[in-house]
């Protein structure tokens, strides 16, 4: 598996989640509206890191680029 840079949207979605995206996503938020998580081989590890560093926030994987981590 190829490592990618992961980010989360600073705004929350309708379910109060910060959506997690990888660097290749066409729906990646603008630079001013995203927070860098790190360089990971999968979305699960990226979301775990985001939760560790932001324990008061909820996260969900993007349907398009992090579908295995998308809760719906």
PDB file of N, CA and C in Angstrom:
ATOM      1  N   UNK A   1       0.845  -1.190   0.000  1.00  0.00           N
ATOM      2  CA  UNK A   1       0.000   0.000   0.000  1.00  0.00           C
ATOM      3  C   UNK A   1       0.889   1.252   0.000  1.00  0.00           C
ATOM      4  N   UNK A   2       0.417   2.266  -0.677  1.00  0.00           N
ATOM      5  CA  UNK A   2       1.179   3.508  -0.825  1.00  0.00           C
ATOM      6  C   UNK A   2       0.785   4.504   0.264  1.00  0.00           C
ATOM      7  N   UNK A   3       1.772   5.087   0.909  1.00  0.00           N
ATOM      8  CA  UNK A   3       1.489   6.108   1.924  1.00  0.00           C
ATOM      9  C   UNK A   3       1.014   7.393   1.259  1.00  0.00           C
ATOM     10  N   UNK A   4       0.119   8.088   1.951  1.00  0.00           N
ATOM     11  CA  UNK A   4      -0.411   9.365   1.475  1.00  0.00           C
ATOM     12  C   UNK A   4      -0.506  10.328   2.645  1.00  0.00           C
ATOM     13  N   UNK A   5      -0.568  11.602   2.312  1.00  0.00           N
ATOM     14  CA  UNK A   5      -0.792  12.638   3.316  1.00  0.00           C
ATOM     15  C   UNK A   5      -2.296  12.726   3.570  1.00  0.00           C
ATOM     16  N   UNK A   6      -2.672  12.828   4.840  1.00  0.00           N
ATOM     17  CA  UNK A   6      -4.085  12.909   5.230  1.00  0.00           C
ATOM     18  C   UNK A   6      -4.364  14.216   5.954  1.00  0.00           C
ATOM     19  N   UNK A   7      -5.585  14.706   5.764  1.00  0.00           N
ATOM     20  CA  UNK A   7      -6.045  15.971   6.333  1.00  0.00           C
ATOM     21  C   UNK A   7      -7.470  15.794   6.817  1.00  0.00           C
ATOM     22  N   UNK A   8      -7.893  16.680   7.731  1.00  0.00           N
ATOM     23  CA  UNK A   8      -9.326  16.710   8.040  1.00  0.00           C
ATOM     24  C   UNK A   8      -9.867  18.110   7.808  1.00  0.00           C
ATOM     25  N   UNK A   9     -11.131  18.132   7.444  1.00  0.00           N
ATOM     26  CA  UNK A   9     -11.838  19.383   7.206  1.00  0.00           C
ATOM     27  C   UNK A   9     -12.050  20.077   8.549  1.00  0.00           C
ATOM     28  N   UNK A  10     -11.740  21.358   8.635  1.00  0.00           N
ATOM     29  CA  UNK A  10     -11.933  22.099   9.883  1.00  0.00           C
ATOM     30  C   UNK A  10     -13.409  22.287  10.214  1.00  0.00           C
ATOM     31  N   UNK A  11     -14.252  22.274   9.199  1.00  0.00           N
ATOM     32  CA  UNK A  11     -15.705  22.372   9.411  1.00  0.00           C
ATOM     33  C   UNK A  11     -16.267  20.973   9.603  1.00  0.00           C
ATOM     34  N   UNK A  12     -17.380  20.884  10.299  1.00  0.00           N
ATOM     35  CA  UNK A  12     -18.019  19.582  10.497  1.00  0.00           C
ATOM     36  C   UNK A  12     -19.138  19.394   9.476  1.00  0.00           C
ATOM     37  N   UNK A  13     -19.461  18.129   9.234  1.00  0.00           N
ATOM     38  CA  UNK A  13     -20.575  17.813   8.343  1.00  0.00           C
ATOM     39  C   UNK A  13     -21.882  17.804   9.137  1.00  0.00           C
ATOM     40  N   UNK A  14     -22.956  17.365   8.511  1.00  0.00           N
ATOM     41  CA  UNK A  14     -24.277  17.391   9.160  1.00  0.00           C
ATOM     42  C   UNK A  14     -24.358  16.472  10.374  1.00  0.00           C
ATOM     43  N   UNK A  15     -23.404  15.534  10.500  1.00  0.00           N
ATOM     44  CA  UNK A  15     -23.365  14.621  11.650  1.00  0.00           C
ATOM     45  C   UNK A  15     -22.327  15.031  12.697  1.00  0.00           C
ATOM     46  N   UNK A  16     -21.815  16.257  12.582  1.00  0.00           N
ATOM     47  CA  UNK A  16     -20.824  16.806  13.509  1.00  0.00           C
ATOM     48  C   UNK A  16     -19.475  16.087  13.437  1.00  0.00           C
ATOM     49  N   UNK A  17     -19.162  15.538  12.255  1.00  0.00           N
ATOM     50  CA  UNK A  17     -17.875  14.880  12.035  1.00  0.00           C
ATOM     51  C   UNK A  17     -16.966  15.764  11.197  1.00  0.00           C
ATOM     52  N   UNK A  18     -15.684  15.684  11.472  1.00  0.00           N
ATOM     53  CA  UNK A  18     -14.671  16.304  10.626  1.00  0.00           C
ATOM     54  C   UNK A  18     -14.276  15.244   9.601  1.00  0.00           C
ATOM     55  N   UNK A  19     -14.506  15.537   8.333  1.00  0.00           N
ATOM     56  CA  UNK A  19     -14.256  14.556   7.289  1.00  0.00           C
ATOM     57  C   UNK A  19     -12.763  14.462   6.977  1.00  0.00           C
ATOM     58  N   UNK A  20     -12.266  13.230   6.912  1.00  0.00           N
ATOM     59  CA  UNK A  20     -10.851  12.969   6.646  1.00  0.00           C
ATOM     60  C   UNK A  20     -10.667  12.661   5.156  1.00  0.00           C
ATOM     61  N   UNK A  21      -9.642  13.296   4.567  1.00  0.00           N
ATOM     62  CA  UNK A  21      -9.334  13.144   3.140  1.00  0.00           C
ATOM     63  C   UNK A  21      -7.864  12.816   2.969  1.00  0.00           C
ATOM     64  N   UNK A  22      -7.544  12.164   1.836  1.00  0.00           N
ATOM     65  CA  UNK A  22      -6.132  12.014   1.496  1.00  0.00           C
ATOM     66  C   UNK A  22      -5.760  13.076   0.463  1.00  0.00           C
ATOM     67  N   UNK A  23      -4.479  13.193   0.191  1.00  0.00           N
ATOM     68  CA  UNK A  23      -3.960  14.260  -0.654  1.00  0.00           C
ATOM     69  C   UNK A  23      -4.479  14.230  -2.085  1.00  0.00           C
ATOM     70  N   UNK A  24      -4.962  13.086  -2.551  1.00  0.00           N
ATOM     71  CA  UNK A  24      -5.411  12.947  -3.934  1.00  0.00           C
ATOM     72  C   UNK A  24      -6.899  13.229  -4.129  1.00  0.00           C
ATOM     73  N   UNK A  25      -7.613  13.518  -3.066  1.00  0.00           N
ATOM     74  CA  UNK A  25      -9.063  13.652  -3.142  1.00  0.00           C
ATOM     75  C   UNK A  25      -9.493  14.917  -3.892  1.00  0.00           C
ATOM     76  N   UNK A  26     -10.452  14.761  -4.783  1.00  0.00           N
ATOM     77  CA  UNK A  26     -10.993  15.914  -5.517  1.00  0.00           C
ATOM     78  C   UNK A  26     -11.829  16.798  -4.600  1.00  0.00           C
ATOM     79  N   UNK A  27     -12.203  16.288  -3.433  1.00  0.00           N
ATOM     80  CA  UNK A  27     -13.011  17.048  -2.476  1.00  0.00           C
ATOM     81  C   UNK A  27     -12.200  17.541  -1.273  1.00  0.00           C
ATOM     82  N   UNK A  28     -10.885  17.526  -1.410  1.00  0.00           N
ATOM     83  CA  UNK A  28      -9.999  18.011  -0.353  1.00  0.00           C
ATOM     84  C   UNK A  28     -10.295  19.483  -0.082  1.00  0.00           C
ATOM     85  N   UNK A  29     -10.531  19.856   1.174  1.00  0.00           N
ATOM     86  CA  UNK A  29     -10.816  21.268   1.493  1.00  0.00           C
ATOM     87  C   UNK A  29      -9.624  22.173   1.148  1.00  0.00           C
ATOM     88  N   UNK A  30      -9.912  23.447   1.008  1.00  0.00           N
ATOM     89  CA  UNK A  30      -8.856  24.414   0.728  1.00  0.00           C
ATOM     90  C   UNK A  30      -7.829  24.409   1.859  1.00  0.00           C
ATOM     91  N   UNK A  31      -6.642  24.881   1.564  1.00  0.00           N
ATOM     92  CA  UNK A  31      -5.547  24.896   2.546  1.00  0.00           C
ATOM     93  C   UNK A  31      -5.968  25.610   3.826  1.00  0.00           C
ATOM     94  N   UNK A  32      -6.750  26.672   3.705  1.00  0.00           N
ATOM     95  CA  UNK A  32      -7.164  27.444   4.883  1.00  0.00           C
ATOM     96  C   UNK A  32      -8.253  26.747   5.694  1.00  0.00           C
ATOM     97  N   UNK A  33      -8.831  25.664   5.145  1.00  0.00           N
ATOM     98  CA  UNK A  33      -9.938  24.995   5.812  1.00  0.00           C
ATOM     99  C   UNK A  33      -9.632  23.529   6.125  1.00  0.00           C
ATOM    100  N   UNK A  34      -8.350  23.202   6.254  1.00  0.00           N
ATOM    101  CA  UNK A  34      -8.001  21.822   6.586  1.00  0.00           C
ATOM    102  C   UNK A  34      -6.829  21.789   7.558  1.00  0.00           C
ATOM    103  N   UNK A  35      -6.746  20.657   8.280  1.00  0.00           N
ATOM    104  CA  UNK A  35      -5.672  20.433   9.241  1.00  0.00           C
ATOM    105  C   UNK A  35      -4.942  19.160   8.842  1.00  0.00           C
ATOM    106  N   UNK A  36      -3.622  19.248   8.812  1.00  0.00           N
ATOM    107  CA  UNK A  36      -2.794  18.097   8.442  1.00  0.00           C
ATOM    108  C   UNK A  36      -2.773  17.071   9.568  1.00  0.00           C
ATOM    109  N   UNK A  37      -3.003  15.812   9.219  1.00  0.00           N
ATOM    110  CA  UNK A  37      -2.945  14.716  10.194  1.00  0.00           C
ATOM    111  C   UNK A  37      -1.584  14.038  10.147  1.00  0.00           C
ATOM    112  N   UNK A  38      -1.129  13.693   8.950  1.00  0.00           N
ATOM    113  CA  UNK A  38       0.156  13.015   8.813  1.00  0.00           C
ATOM    114  C   UNK A  38       0.213  12.156   7.568  1.00  0.00           C
ATOM    115  N   UNK A  39       1.257  11.345   7.497  1.00  0.00           N
ATOM    116  CA  UNK A  39       1.564  10.509   6.340  1.00  0.00           C
ATOM    117  C   UNK A  39       1.328   9.060   6.735  1.00  0.00           C
ATOM    118  N   UNK A  40       0.313   8.425   6.137  1.00  0.00           N
ATOM    119  CA  UNK A  40      -0.103   7.088   6.561  1.00  0.00           C
ATOM    120  C   UNK A  40      -0.383   6.196   5.362  1.00  0.00           C
ATOM    121  N   UNK A  41      -0.413   4.890   5.609  1.00  0.00           N
ATOM    122  CA  UNK A  41      -0.690   3.922   4.551  1.00  0.00           C
ATOM    123  C   UNK A  41      -2.184   3.632   4.399  1.00  0.00           C
ATOM    124  N   UNK A  42      -3.004   4.121   5.349  1.00  0.00           N
ATOM    125  CA  UNK A  42      -4.447   3.873   5.244  1.00  0.00           C
ATOM    126  C   UNK A  42      -5.222   4.888   6.078  1.00  0.00           C
ATOM    127  N   UNK A  43      -6.521   4.978   5.792  1.00  0.00           N
ATOM    128  CA  UNK A  43      -7.363   5.969   6.464  1.00  0.00           C
ATOM    129  C   UNK A  43      -7.599   5.627   7.932  1.00  0.00           C
ATOM    130  N   UNK A  44      -7.602   4.340   8.264  1.00  0.00           N
ATOM    131  CA  UNK A  44      -7.832   3.957   9.668  1.00  0.00           C
ATOM    132  C   UNK A  44      -6.737   4.519  10.571  1.00  0.00           C
ATOM    133  N   UNK A  45      -5.485   4.370  10.145  1.00  0.00           N
ATOM    134  CA  UNK A  45      -4.374   4.892  10.941  1.00  0.00           C
ATOM    135  C   UNK A  45      -4.434   6.424  11.023  1.00  0.00           C
ATOM    136  N   UNK A  46      -4.815   7.059   9.918  1.00  0.00           N
ATOM    137  CA  UNK A  46      -4.918   8.519   9.911  1.00  0.00           C
ATOM    138  C   UNK A  46      -6.002   8.986  10.873  1.00  0.00           C
ATOM    139  N   UNK A  47      -7.147   8.327  10.877  1.00  0.00           N
ATOM    140  CA  UNK A  47      -8.241   8.716  11.774  1.00  0.00           C
ATOM    141  C   UNK A  47      -7.857   8.454  13.229  1.00  0.00           C
ATOM    142  N   UNK A  48      -7.174   7.346  13.495  1.00  0.00           N
ATOM    143  CA  UNK A  48      -6.726   7.080  14.868  1.00  0.00           C
ATOM    144  C   UNK A  48      -5.786   8.171  15.356  1.00  0.00           C
ATOM    145  N   UNK A  49      -4.898   8.643  14.484  1.00  0.00           N
ATOM    146  CA  UNK A  49      -3.975   9.720  14.850  1.00  0.00           C
ATOM    147  C   UNK A  49      -4.748  11.024  15.087  1.00  0.00           C
ATOM    148  N   UNK A  50      -5.717  11.302  14.240  1.00  0.00           N
ATOM    149  CA  UNK A  50      -6.526  12.517  14.401  1.00  0.00           C
ATOM    150  C   UNK A  50      -7.271  12.488  15.734  1.00  0.00           C
ATOM    151  N   UNK A  51      -7.830  11.335  16.083  1.00  0.00           N
ATOM    152  CA  UNK A  51      -8.545  11.191  17.361  1.00  0.00           C
ATOM    153  C   UNK A  51      -7.602  11.357  18.548  1.00  0.00           C
ATOM    154  N   UNK A  52      -6.407  10.817  18.423  1.00  0.00           N
ATOM    155  CA  UNK A  52      -5.417  10.910  19.504  1.00  0.00           C
ATOM    156  C   UNK A  52      -5.048  12.374  19.762  1.00  0.00           C
ATOM    157  N   UNK A  53      -4.871  13.136  18.698  1.00  0.00           N
ATOM    158  CA  UNK A  53      -4.458  14.534  18.820  1.00  0.00           C
ATOM    159  C   UNK A  53      -5.615  15.509  19.016  1.00  0.00           C
ATOM    160  N   UNK A  54      -6.841  15.042  18.785  1.00  0.00           N
ATOM    161  CA  UNK A  54      -8.036  15.898  18.907  1.00  0.00           C
ATOM    162  C   UNK A  54      -9.151  15.099  19.578  1.00  0.00           C
ATOM    163  N   UNK A  55      -8.987  14.753  20.861  1.00  0.00           N
ATOM    164  CA  UNK A  55      -9.929  13.832  21.512  1.00  0.00           C
ATOM    165  C   UNK A  55     -11.356  14.362  21.629  1.00  0.00           C
ATOM    166  N   UNK A  56     -11.558  15.657  21.480  1.00  0.00           N
ATOM    167  CA  UNK A  56     -12.909  16.213  21.602  1.00  0.00           C
ATOM    168  C   UNK A  56     -13.612  16.362  20.265  1.00  0.00           C
ATOM    169  N   UNK A  57     -13.024  15.818  19.205  1.00  0.00           N
ATOM    170  CA  UNK A  57     -13.621  15.923  17.871  1.00  0.00           C
ATOM    171  C   UNK A  57     -13.987  14.544  17.354  1.00  0.00           C
ATOM    172  N   UNK A  58     -14.996  14.515  16.485  1.00  0.00           N
ATOM    173  CA  UNK A  58     -15.420  13.278  15.832  1.00  0.00           C
ATOM    174  C   UNK A  58     -14.943  13.297  14.385  1.00  0.00           C
ATOM    175  N   UNK A  59     -14.593  12.127  13.845  1.00  0.00           N
ATOM    176  CA  UNK A  59     -14.054  12.031  12.498  1.00  0.00           C
ATOM    177  C   UNK A  59     -14.774  10.960  11.699  1.00  0.00           C
ATOM    178  N   UNK A  60     -14.805  11.173  10.392  1.00  0.00           N
ATOM    179  CA  UNK A  60     -15.388  10.214   9.458  1.00  0.00           C
ATOM    180  C   UNK A  60     -14.568  10.272   8.179  1.00  0.00           C
ATOM    181  N   UNK A  61     -14.367   9.141   7.552  1.00  0.00           N
ATOM    182  CA  UNK A  61     -13.638   9.112   6.294  1.00  0.00           C
ATOM    183  C   UNK A  61     -14.487   9.632   5.150  1.00  0.00           C
ATOM    184  N   UNK A  62     -13.873  10.303   4.219  1.00  0.00           N
ATOM    185  CA  UNK A  62     -14.549  10.798   3.023  1.00  0.00           C
ATOM    186  C   UNK A  62     -15.091   9.615   2.217  1.00  0.00           C
ATOM    187  N   UNK A  63     -16.303   9.748   1.737  1.00  0.00           N
ATOM    188  CA  UNK A  63     -16.920   8.695   0.923  1.00  0.00           C
ATOM    189  C   UNK A  63     -16.074   8.392  -0.308  1.00  0.00           C
ATOM    190  N   UNK A  64     -15.467   9.421  -0.887  1.00  0.00           N
ATOM    191  CA  UNK A  64     -14.752   9.283  -2.175  1.00  0.00           C
ATOM    192  C   UNK A  64     -13.328   8.786  -2.022  1.00  0.00           C
ATOM    193  N   UNK A  65     -12.566   9.264  -1.058  1.00  0.00           N
ATOM    194  CA  UNK A  65     -11.150   8.895  -0.990  1.00  0.00           C
ATOM    195  C   UNK A  65     -10.812   7.996   0.195  1.00  0.00           C
ATOM    196  N   UNK A  66     -11.685   7.931   1.196  1.00  0.00           N
ATOM    197  CA  UNK A  66     -11.445   7.104   2.391  1.00  0.00           C
ATOM    198  C   UNK A  66     -12.667   6.237   2.665  1.00  0.00           C
ATOM    199  N   UNK A  67     -13.206   5.640   1.615  1.00  0.00           N
ATOM    200  CA  UNK A  67     -14.458   4.888   1.748  1.00  0.00           C
ATOM    201  C   UNK A  67     -14.416   3.788   2.788  1.00  0.00           C
ATOM    202  N   UNK A  68     -13.289   3.053   2.957  1.00  0.00           N
ATOM    203  CA  UNK A  68     -13.283   2.007   4.002  1.00  0.00           C
ATOM    204  C   UNK A  68     -13.516   2.571   5.413  1.00  0.00           C
ATOM    205  N   UNK A  69     -13.302   3.878   5.599  1.00  0.00           N
ATOM    206  CA  UNK A  69     -13.474   4.513   6.900  1.00  0.00           C
ATOM    207  C   UNK A  69     -14.718   5.387   6.954  1.00  0.00           C
ATOM    208  N   UNK A  70     -15.517   5.349   5.903  1.00  0.00           N
ATOM    209  CA  UNK A  70     -16.733   6.181   5.856  1.00  0.00           C
ATOM    210  C   UNK A  70     -17.862   5.490   6.605  1.00  0.00           C
ATOM    211  N   UNK A  71     -18.433   6.205   7.578  1.00  0.00           N
ATOM    212  CA  UNK A  71     -19.504   5.637   8.409  1.00  0.00           C
ATOM    213  C   UNK A  71     -20.886   5.822   7.789  1.00  0.00           C
ATOM    214  N   UNK A  72     -21.005   6.824   6.925  1.00  0.00           N
ATOM    215  CA  UNK A  72     -22.286   7.063   6.250  1.00  0.00           C
ATOM    216  C   UNK A  72     -23.115   7.962   6.951  1.00  0.00           C
TER     217      UNK A  72
END
